[in-house]
N, C-alpha and C. Protein backbone atom coordinates (compact mmCIF):
# COMPACT_ATOMS: atom_id res chain seq x y z
N MET A 1 103.39 -30.17 -82.15
CA MET A 1 104.31 -31.32 -83.12
C MET A 1 103.23 -31.49 -84.13
N ALA A 2 103.71 -31.57 -85.30
CA ALA A 2 102.85 -31.88 -86.51
C ALA A 2 102.87 -33.53 -86.36
N PHE A 3 101.84 -34.05 -87.20
CA PHE A 3 101.72 -35.44 -87.30
C PHE A 3 103.22 -36.12 -87.72
N PRO A 4 103.57 -37.14 -87.21
CA PRO A 4 104.79 -37.73 -87.94
C PRO A 4 104.63 -38.43 -89.17
N SER A 5 105.80 -38.22 -90.03
CA SER A 5 105.59 -38.88 -91.50
C SER A 5 105.61 -40.34 -90.94
N ASN A 6 105.41 -41.21 -92.04
CA ASN A 6 105.74 -42.60 -91.91
C ASN A 6 107.22 -42.90 -91.65
N GLY A 7 108.16 -42.18 -92.00
CA GLY A 7 109.71 -42.70 -91.94
C GLY A 7 109.86 -42.31 -90.43
N GLN A 8 109.13 -41.59 -89.47
CA GLN A 8 109.62 -41.39 -88.15
C GLN A 8 108.90 -42.37 -87.22
N PHE A 9 107.95 -43.18 -87.78
CA PHE A 9 107.55 -44.25 -86.96
C PHE A 9 108.18 -45.48 -86.87
N GLN A 10 108.48 -45.98 -85.57
CA GLN A 10 109.42 -47.30 -85.50
C GLN A 10 108.60 -48.12 -84.62
N PRO A 11 108.65 -49.55 -85.18
CA PRO A 11 107.81 -50.59 -84.56
C PRO A 11 108.09 -50.65 -82.99
N ILE A 12 106.98 -51.01 -82.13
CA ILE A 12 107.22 -51.24 -80.84
C ILE A 12 107.72 -52.71 -80.62
N LEU A 13 108.82 -52.89 -79.96
CA LEU A 13 109.57 -54.37 -79.93
C LEU A 13 109.23 -54.74 -78.33
N ILE A 14 109.15 -56.28 -78.33
CA ILE A 14 109.25 -56.95 -77.04
C ILE A 14 110.36 -57.73 -77.31
N GLY A 15 111.55 -57.34 -76.61
CA GLY A 15 112.89 -58.07 -76.83
C GLY A 15 113.47 -57.51 -78.25
N ASP A 16 113.74 -58.39 -79.13
CA ASP A 16 114.31 -57.69 -80.40
C ASP A 16 113.03 -58.15 -81.39
N GLN A 17 111.72 -58.37 -81.22
CA GLN A 17 110.85 -58.63 -82.04
C GLN A 17 109.79 -57.67 -81.94
N PRO A 18 109.30 -57.28 -83.08
CA PRO A 18 108.13 -56.59 -83.32
C PRO A 18 107.07 -57.14 -82.51
N ILE A 19 105.98 -56.32 -81.91
CA ILE A 19 104.99 -56.41 -81.08
C ILE A 19 103.90 -56.96 -82.31
N PHE A 20 103.22 -58.07 -82.11
CA PHE A 20 101.92 -58.52 -82.80
C PHE A 20 101.03 -59.32 -81.94
N ASP A 21 100.20 -59.51 -82.71
CA ASP A 21 98.89 -60.61 -82.25
C ASP A 21 98.32 -61.34 -83.22
N MET A 22 97.86 -62.53 -82.73
CA MET A 22 97.15 -63.62 -83.34
C MET A 22 95.97 -62.99 -83.95
N VAL A 23 95.43 -63.65 -85.07
CA VAL A 23 94.29 -63.07 -85.80
C VAL A 23 93.03 -64.08 -85.05
N GLY A 24 91.92 -63.57 -84.71
CA GLY A 24 91.02 -64.21 -84.16
C GLY A 24 90.77 -64.50 -82.88
N ASP A 25 91.76 -63.71 -81.74
CA ASP A 25 91.76 -64.04 -80.49
C ASP A 25 90.84 -63.21 -79.51
N GLN A 26 90.30 -62.10 -80.18
CA GLN A 26 89.28 -61.21 -79.55
C GLN A 26 87.82 -61.25 -80.04
N SER A 27 87.09 -60.82 -79.20
CA SER A 27 85.62 -60.96 -79.38
C SER A 27 85.06 -59.50 -79.16
N PRO A 28 84.39 -58.73 -79.74
CA PRO A 28 84.11 -58.94 -81.37
C PRO A 28 85.24 -58.89 -82.19
N ALA A 29 85.31 -59.24 -83.36
CA ALA A 29 86.35 -59.28 -84.28
C ALA A 29 86.89 -57.95 -84.53
N ALA A 30 85.99 -57.06 -84.50
CA ALA A 30 86.27 -55.64 -85.13
C ALA A 30 87.57 -55.10 -84.07
N THR A 31 87.60 -55.41 -82.78
CA THR A 31 88.36 -54.92 -81.76
C THR A 31 89.86 -55.69 -81.82
N ASP A 32 89.98 -56.83 -82.70
CA ASP A 32 91.39 -57.42 -82.85
C ASP A 32 92.46 -56.85 -83.43
N LEU A 33 93.26 -56.45 -82.78
CA LEU A 33 94.56 -55.88 -83.35
C LEU A 33 95.51 -57.01 -83.67
N VAL A 34 95.86 -56.88 -85.18
CA VAL A 34 96.87 -57.97 -85.61
C VAL A 34 97.98 -57.69 -86.27
N GLY A 35 98.72 -58.21 -86.68
CA GLY A 35 100.24 -58.04 -87.14
C GLY A 35 100.90 -59.35 -87.09
N ASN A 36 102.09 -59.36 -87.52
CA ASN A 36 103.08 -60.29 -87.63
C ASN A 36 104.48 -59.78 -87.37
N THR A 37 105.51 -60.60 -87.38
CA THR A 37 106.66 -60.06 -87.69
C THR A 37 107.26 -59.09 -88.89
N GLN A 38 106.67 -59.30 -89.73
CA GLN A 38 106.92 -58.61 -90.97
C GLN A 38 106.03 -57.43 -90.86
N PHE A 39 104.84 -57.28 -90.68
CA PHE A 39 103.84 -56.26 -90.48
C PHE A 39 103.49 -56.04 -89.06
N PRO A 40 104.43 -55.38 -88.04
CA PRO A 40 103.97 -55.01 -86.71
C PRO A 40 102.48 -54.45 -86.44
N ALA A 41 102.07 -54.75 -85.25
CA ALA A 41 100.74 -54.10 -84.71
C ALA A 41 100.93 -52.99 -84.13
N ALA A 42 101.90 -52.34 -83.75
CA ALA A 42 102.05 -50.98 -83.09
C ALA A 42 103.13 -50.27 -83.43
N PHE A 43 103.21 -48.98 -83.65
CA PHE A 43 104.27 -48.28 -83.89
C PHE A 43 104.38 -46.89 -82.76
N PHE A 44 105.47 -46.34 -82.69
CA PHE A 44 105.53 -44.98 -81.94
C PHE A 44 106.53 -44.03 -82.76
N ALA A 45 106.35 -42.87 -82.31
CA ALA A 45 107.19 -41.77 -82.94
C ALA A 45 107.30 -40.70 -81.63
N TYR A 46 108.55 -39.94 -81.38
CA TYR A 46 108.36 -38.80 -80.56
C TYR A 46 109.39 -37.86 -81.03
N ASP A 47 108.97 -36.81 -80.22
CA ASP A 47 109.92 -35.34 -80.15
C ASP A 47 110.40 -35.15 -78.55
N ALA A 48 110.81 -33.97 -78.54
CA ALA A 48 111.47 -33.83 -77.36
C ALA A 48 110.14 -33.39 -76.21
N THR A 49 108.91 -33.22 -76.98
CA THR A 49 107.74 -33.00 -76.07
C THR A 49 106.77 -33.90 -76.35
N ASN A 50 106.47 -34.78 -77.21
CA ASN A 50 105.37 -35.30 -77.68
C ASN A 50 105.65 -37.01 -77.84
N VAL A 51 104.83 -37.98 -77.64
CA VAL A 51 104.91 -39.35 -78.08
C VAL A 51 103.52 -39.55 -78.65
N CYS A 52 103.76 -39.98 -79.94
CA CYS A 52 102.60 -40.54 -80.67
C CYS A 52 102.69 -42.29 -80.99
N LEU A 53 101.55 -42.56 -80.64
CA LEU A 53 101.33 -44.01 -80.51
C LEU A 53 100.50 -44.45 -81.95
N PHE A 54 100.70 -45.31 -82.44
CA PHE A 54 99.99 -45.89 -83.64
C PHE A 54 99.65 -47.43 -83.75
């Protein structure tokens, strides 16, 4: 699988909301994954053989 294009990625949902995390809840701060409902924190793309998580 070639790396998926931006249009192939879909946000990962919990219920009907994109997954996100609050800023500043992890230490060290460099490991803190953040996002909000407008800018989700995690995406996926797939084909018949592969799954790509971002």
